[in-house]
Amino acid sequence: MLTNLAVAAAKILIIALAFMELARMDILVRLSVVAGALWLLILFVLTLIDQPMT
């Protein structure tokens, strides 16, 4: 499972840097992408924590 997550993270990084040209974007755009990814991670974690309780 950990290997699958690592592969998925690598794919996301390649897509963000190559196809979205995130490396050439302004710092504010990159900060927005990081903030959005962090918020999505928080929502996923909260969802996974809640599953055993229901």
N, C-alpha and C. Protein backbone atom coordinates (compact mmCIF):
# COMPACT_ATOMS: atom_id res chain seq x y z
N MET A 1 0.83 -1.20 0.00
CA MET A 1 0.00 0.00 0.00
C MET A 1 0.87 1.26 0.00
N LEU A 2 1.95 1.22 0.76
CA LEU A 2 2.84 2.38 0.82
C LEU A 2 3.51 2.63 -0.52
N THR A 3 3.84 1.56 -1.22
CA THR A 3 4.45 1.69 -2.54
C THR A 3 3.47 2.34 -3.51
N ASN A 4 2.22 1.96 -3.44
CA ASN A 4 1.20 2.55 -4.32
C ASN A 4 1.05 4.05 -4.07
N LEU A 5 1.06 4.43 -2.80
CA LEU A 5 0.95 5.85 -2.48
C LEU A 5 2.17 6.64 -2.95
N ALA A 6 3.34 6.03 -2.86
CA ALA A 6 4.56 6.70 -3.33
C ALA A 6 4.53 6.88 -4.85
N VAL A 7 4.07 5.88 -5.56
CA VAL A 7 3.95 5.98 -7.02
C VAL A 7 2.93 7.05 -7.39
N ALA A 8 1.81 7.09 -6.70
CA ALA A 8 0.78 8.10 -6.97
C ALA A 8 1.31 9.50 -6.69
N ALA A 9 2.06 9.67 -5.61
CA ALA A 9 2.64 10.97 -5.29
C ALA A 9 3.65 11.40 -6.35
N ALA A 10 4.44 10.47 -6.84
CA ALA A 10 5.41 10.78 -7.89
C ALA A 10 4.69 11.20 -9.18
N LYS A 11 3.61 10.53 -9.51
CA LYS A 11 2.84 10.89 -10.70
C LYS A 11 2.24 12.29 -10.57
N ILE A 12 1.73 12.60 -9.40
CA ILE A 12 1.16 13.93 -9.17
C ILE A 12 2.24 14.99 -9.30
N LEU A 13 3.41 14.72 -8.77
CA LEU A 13 4.52 15.68 -8.86
C LEU A 13 4.94 15.90 -10.31
N ILE A 14 5.03 14.83 -11.08
CA ILE A 14 5.41 14.96 -12.50
C ILE A 14 4.35 15.75 -13.26
N ILE A 15 3.09 15.47 -13.02
CA ILE A 15 2.02 16.19 -13.71
C ILE A 15 2.04 17.67 -13.34
N ALA A 16 2.22 17.96 -12.05
CA ALA A 16 2.22 19.36 -11.61
C ALA A 16 3.40 20.13 -12.18
N LEU A 17 4.56 19.52 -12.21
CA LEU A 17 5.75 20.24 -12.69
C LEU A 17 5.84 20.31 -14.20
N ALA A 18 5.51 19.22 -14.88
CA ALA A 18 5.70 19.18 -16.33
C ALA A 18 4.50 19.74 -17.10
N PHE A 19 3.31 19.18 -16.85
CA PHE A 19 2.17 19.55 -17.66
C PHE A 19 1.50 20.85 -17.22
N MET A 20 1.50 21.12 -15.91
CA MET A 20 0.89 22.35 -15.43
C MET A 20 1.91 23.49 -15.39
N GLU A 21 3.17 23.17 -15.68
CA GLU A 21 4.27 24.15 -15.67
C GLU A 21 4.31 24.92 -14.35
N LEU A 22 4.13 24.19 -13.27
CA LEU A 22 4.09 24.80 -11.95
C LEU A 22 5.45 25.36 -11.54
N ALA A 23 6.52 24.78 -12.06
CA ALA A 23 7.85 25.24 -11.70
C ALA A 23 8.12 26.67 -12.20
N ARG A 24 7.43 27.06 -13.27
CA ARG A 24 7.65 28.40 -13.84
C ARG A 24 6.63 29.43 -13.37
N MET A 25 5.68 29.00 -12.56
CA MET A 25 4.63 29.91 -12.09
C MET A 25 5.14 30.84 -10.99
N ASP A 26 4.35 31.86 -10.74
CA ASP A 26 4.65 32.80 -9.67
C ASP A 26 4.56 32.11 -8.32
N ILE A 27 5.23 32.66 -7.33
CA ILE A 27 5.27 32.04 -6.00
C ILE A 27 3.88 31.96 -5.38
N LEU A 28 3.02 32.92 -5.66
CA LEU A 28 1.67 32.91 -5.10
C LEU A 28 0.85 31.75 -5.66
N VAL A 29 1.03 31.44 -6.92
CA VAL A 29 0.32 30.31 -7.53
C VAL A 29 0.81 29.01 -6.90
N ARG A 30 2.11 28.87 -6.73
CA ARG A 30 2.66 27.65 -6.12
C ARG A 30 2.19 27.52 -4.67
N LEU A 31 2.13 28.63 -3.97
CA LEU A 31 1.66 28.61 -2.59
C LEU A 31 0.19 28.19 -2.52
N SER A 32 -0.60 28.65 -3.47
CA SER A 32 -2.02 28.27 -3.53
C SER A 32 -2.17 26.77 -3.79
N VAL A 33 -1.34 26.23 -4.65
CA VAL A 33 -1.40 24.80 -4.94
C VAL A 33 -1.03 23.99 -3.70
N VAL A 34 0.00 24.41 -3.00
CA VAL A 34 0.42 23.71 -1.78
C VAL A 34 -0.66 23.81 -0.71
N ALA A 35 -1.26 24.99 -0.56
CA ALA A 35 -2.33 25.16 0.43
C ALA A 35 -3.53 24.30 0.09
N GLY A 36 -3.89 24.23 -1.16
CA GLY A 36 -5.01 23.38 -1.58
C GLY A 36 -4.72 21.91 -1.34
N ALA A 37 -3.51 21.47 -1.63
CA ALA A 37 -3.15 20.07 -1.40
C ALA A 37 -3.14 19.75 0.09
N LEU A 38 -2.67 20.68 0.90
CA LEU A 38 -2.67 20.47 2.34
C LEU A 38 -4.09 20.38 2.88
N TRP A 39 -4.97 21.23 2.40
CA TRP A 39 -6.36 21.21 2.83
C TRP A 39 -7.03 19.89 2.41
N LEU A 40 -6.74 19.43 1.21
CA LEU A 40 -7.29 18.16 0.74
C LEU A 40 -6.78 17.01 1.60
N LEU A 41 -5.51 17.05 1.98
CA LEU A 41 -4.95 16.02 2.85
C LEU A 41 -5.64 16.02 4.22
N ILE A 42 -5.88 17.19 4.76
CA ILE A 42 -6.58 17.29 6.05
C ILE A 42 -7.98 16.70 5.94
N LEU A 43 -8.69 17.00 4.86
CA LEU A 43 -10.04 16.45 4.69
C LEU A 43 -10.03 14.94 4.56
N PHE A 44 -9.06 14.39 3.83
CA PHE A 44 -8.95 12.94 3.70
C PHE A 44 -8.66 12.30 5.05
N VAL A 45 -7.75 12.89 5.81
CA VAL A 45 -7.41 12.33 7.12
C VAL A 45 -8.61 12.35 8.04
N LEU A 46 -9.33 13.45 8.06
CA LEU A 46 -10.52 13.53 8.91
C LEU A 46 -11.58 12.53 8.49
N THR A 47 -11.72 12.30 7.20
CA THR A 47 -12.68 11.32 6.71
C THR A 47 -12.27 9.91 7.13
N LEU A 48 -10.99 9.59 7.00
CA LEU A 48 -10.52 8.26 7.37
C LEU A 48 -10.59 8.02 8.87
N ILE A 49 -10.42 9.07 9.65
CA ILE A 49 -10.53 8.93 11.10
C ILE A 49 -11.99 8.67 11.49
N ASP A 50 -12.91 9.28 10.79
CA ASP A 50 -14.33 9.17 11.13
C ASP A 50 -14.92 7.82 10.72
N GLN A 51 -14.37 7.16 9.73
CA GLN A 51 -14.93 5.89 9.24
C GLN A 51 -15.07 4.83 10.33
N PRO A 52 -14.07 4.55 11.16
CA PRO A 52 -14.26 3.52 12.18
C PRO A 52 -15.30 3.86 13.23
N MET A 53 -15.60 5.15 13.40
CA MET A 53 -16.55 5.55 14.43
C MET A 53 -17.99 5.35 14.01
N THR A 54 -18.24 5.20 12.70
CA THR A 54 -19.63 5.03 12.24
C THR A 54 -19.98 3.58 12.01
